[in-house]
Amino acid sequence: MLTKLIIMDCFLWAGMILGISFLESWVKFRAPTLVKPVGLDVGRTVFRFFHGAQCGLLLILIFLSIFINLEPIQWAAIAILTGILILQLFWLFPKLSQRVDAIIAGNTPSNSYIHSLYGIFEVVKLLILIIFGWTLIS
């Protein structure tokens, strides 16, 4: 039963990443009447709440995993997910939020790799969650 809950947690989290990071985050900018500063501010708000949801899903994953027999590679996957989320919460998101503040203030921030790195981390989390969940199904 616990394994099934972990599988559900993994795929729910993966689905949320697909929906928020890979769909909502760029679709909103296709709306012809949405100006960039408003879209960025909405995105920042969505991601702030999404980070809270991800922390909850990570805590559920860790808690449930304590009670089943995971392989060391699976614990490594959980550690990587935890590390990525910590980096996103405490380093990347604040940097991105500063860029949004600058754009809302009418400034043009210099080019940065931060957004690309955030996206790469989202892809890595997505792959880890799918593989982790799939290994538990097998």
Protein backbone atom coordinates (compact mmCIF):
# COMPACT_ATOMS: atom_id res chain seq x y z
CA MET A 1 0.00 0.00 0.00
CA LEU A 2 2.77 2.47 0.88
CA THR A 3 4.52 1.74 -2.40
CA LYS A 4 1.35 2.63 -4.30
CA LEU A 5 1.13 5.92 -2.40
CA ILE A 6 4.74 6.71 -3.28
CA ILE A 7 4.03 5.92 -6.95
CA MET A 8 1.01 8.23 -6.85
CA ASP A 9 3.10 10.95 -5.21
CA CYS A 10 5.81 10.65 -7.88
CA PHE A 11 3.39 10.81 -10.79
CA LEU A 12 1.28 13.56 -9.25
CA TRP A 13 4.43 15.64 -8.75
CA ALA A 14 5.61 14.85 -12.30
CA GLY A 15 2.22 15.86 -13.67
CA MET A 16 2.34 19.12 -11.75
CA ILE A 17 5.77 19.88 -13.21
CA LEU A 18 4.42 19.21 -16.69
CA GLY A 19 1.35 21.36 -16.08
CA ILE A 20 3.01 24.30 -14.36
CA SER A 21 6.59 24.42 -15.63
CA PHE A 22 6.09 23.19 -19.17
CA LEU A 23 2.58 24.37 -19.99
CA GLU A 24 1.32 27.25 -17.87
CA SER A 25 4.64 29.06 -17.70
CA TRP A 26 4.89 29.61 -21.44
CA VAL A 27 1.24 29.41 -22.58
CA LYS A 28 0.29 32.53 -20.62
CA PHE A 29 2.65 34.56 -22.79
CA ARG A 30 0.69 33.53 -25.89
CA ALA A 31 -2.28 35.60 -24.66
CA PRO A 32 -2.22 38.70 -26.86
CA THR A 33 -3.53 41.05 -24.15
CA LEU A 34 -1.22 39.93 -21.35
CA VAL A 35 1.70 42.32 -20.97
CA LYS A 36 5.04 40.82 -20.00
CA PRO A 37 5.38 42.39 -16.52
CA VAL A 38 1.92 41.12 -15.50
CA GLY A 39 2.66 37.66 -16.92
CA LEU A 40 5.93 37.52 -15.01
CA ASP A 41 4.25 38.62 -11.79
CA VAL A 42 1.52 35.99 -12.22
CA GLY A 43 4.19 33.37 -12.99
CA ARG A 44 6.13 34.31 -9.88
CA THR A 45 3.00 33.93 -7.76
CA VAL A 46 2.14 30.57 -9.34
CA PHE A 47 5.67 29.25 -8.77
CA ARG A 48 5.73 30.48 -5.18
CA PHE A 49 2.66 28.34 -4.45
CA PHE A 50 3.98 25.51 -6.62
CA HIS A 51 7.16 25.42 -4.54
CA GLY A 52 5.04 24.92 -1.43
CA ALA A 53 3.20 22.06 -3.11
CA GLN A 54 6.48 20.49 -4.18
CA CYS A 55 7.84 20.71 -0.63
CA GLY A 56 4.74 18.92 0.59
CA LEU A 57 5.07 16.21 -2.05
CA LEU A 58 8.76 15.78 -1.21
CA LEU A 59 7.99 15.43 2.49
CA ILE A 60 5.32 12.81 1.71
CA LEU A 61 7.81 10.96 -0.50
CA ILE A 62 10.49 10.97 2.19
CA PHE A 63 8.09 10.01 4.99
CA LEU A 64 6.54 7.10 3.09
CA SER A 65 9.92 5.91 1.82
CA ILE A 66 11.16 5.46 5.38
CA PHE A 67 8.72 2.58 5.80
CA ILE A 68 9.59 0.59 2.69
CA ASN A 69 12.77 -1.09 1.53
CA LEU A 70 14.33 1.27 -1.03
CA GLU A 71 17.50 0.62 -2.95
CA PRO A 72 20.44 3.01 -2.40
CA ILE A 73 19.93 4.41 -5.91
CA GLN A 74 16.35 5.29 -5.01
CA TRP A 75 17.52 7.12 -1.88
CA ALA A 76 20.04 8.92 -4.10
CA ALA A 77 17.17 10.00 -6.35
CA ILE A 78 15.32 11.41 -3.34
CA ALA A 79 18.50 13.22 -2.26
CA ILE A 80 18.88 14.73 -5.74
CA LEU A 81 15.23 15.85 -5.75
CA THR A 82 15.77 17.43 -2.33
CA GLY A 83 18.96 19.18 -3.44
CA ILE A 84 17.37 20.56 -6.60
CA LEU A 85 14.34 21.84 -4.73
CA ILE A 86 16.55 23.52 -2.14
CA LEU A 87 18.60 25.20 -4.89
CA GLN A 88 15.44 26.35 -6.63
CA LEU A 89 13.85 27.68 -3.44
CA PHE A 90 16.82 29.47 -1.93
CA TRP A 91 18.98 30.47 -4.90
CA LEU A 92 17.31 30.35 -8.30
CA PHE A 93 13.78 31.53 -7.46
CA PRO A 94 14.99 34.57 -5.49
CA LYS A 95 17.27 35.51 -8.40
CA LEU A 96 14.40 35.10 -10.87
CA SER A 97 12.13 37.11 -8.58
CA GLN A 98 14.68 39.96 -8.56
CA ARG A 99 14.64 39.92 -12.36
CA VAL A 100 10.83 40.15 -12.32
CA ASP A 101 11.06 43.12 -9.92
CA ALA A 102 13.49 44.82 -12.29
CA ILE A 103 11.24 44.25 -15.32
CA ILE A 104 8.16 45.48 -13.45
CA ALA A 105 10.15 48.60 -12.50
CA GLY A 106 10.80 49.20 -16.21
CA ASN A 107 14.42 48.07 -16.24
CA THR A 108 15.99 45.53 -18.55
CA PRO A 109 18.11 43.07 -16.59
CA SER A 110 21.27 41.76 -18.18
CA ASN A 111 21.28 38.33 -19.77
CA SER A 112 21.43 35.49 -17.28
CA TYR A 113 21.68 31.70 -17.25
CA ILE A 114 19.43 31.46 -14.16
CA HIS A 115 16.18 30.84 -16.05
CA SER A 116 17.78 28.16 -18.22
CA LEU A 117 19.29 26.47 -15.18
CA TYR A 118 15.91 26.50 -13.45
CA GLY A 119 14.39 24.85 -16.54
CA ILE A 120 17.12 22.21 -16.67
CA PHE A 121 16.46 21.38 -13.03
CA GLU A 122 12.74 21.02 -13.82
CA VAL A 123 13.57 18.51 -16.56
CA VAL A 124 15.87 16.59 -14.21
CA LYS A 125 13.20 16.47 -11.47
CA LEU A 126 10.61 15.31 -14.01
CA LEU A 127 12.84 12.50 -15.28
CA ILE A 128 13.81 11.39 -11.78
CA LEU A 129 10.18 11.29 -10.65
CA ILE A 130 9.05 9.31 -13.69
CA ILE A 131 11.92 6.82 -13.43
CA PHE A 132 11.55 6.53 -9.65
CA GLY A 133 7.82 5.89 -9.91
CA TRP A 134 8.30 3.44 -12.77
CA THR A 135 10.91 1.42 -10.87
CA LEU A 136 8.44 1.03 -8.02
CA ILE A 137 5.80 -0.25 -10.44
CA SER A 138 8.13 -2.93 -11.82
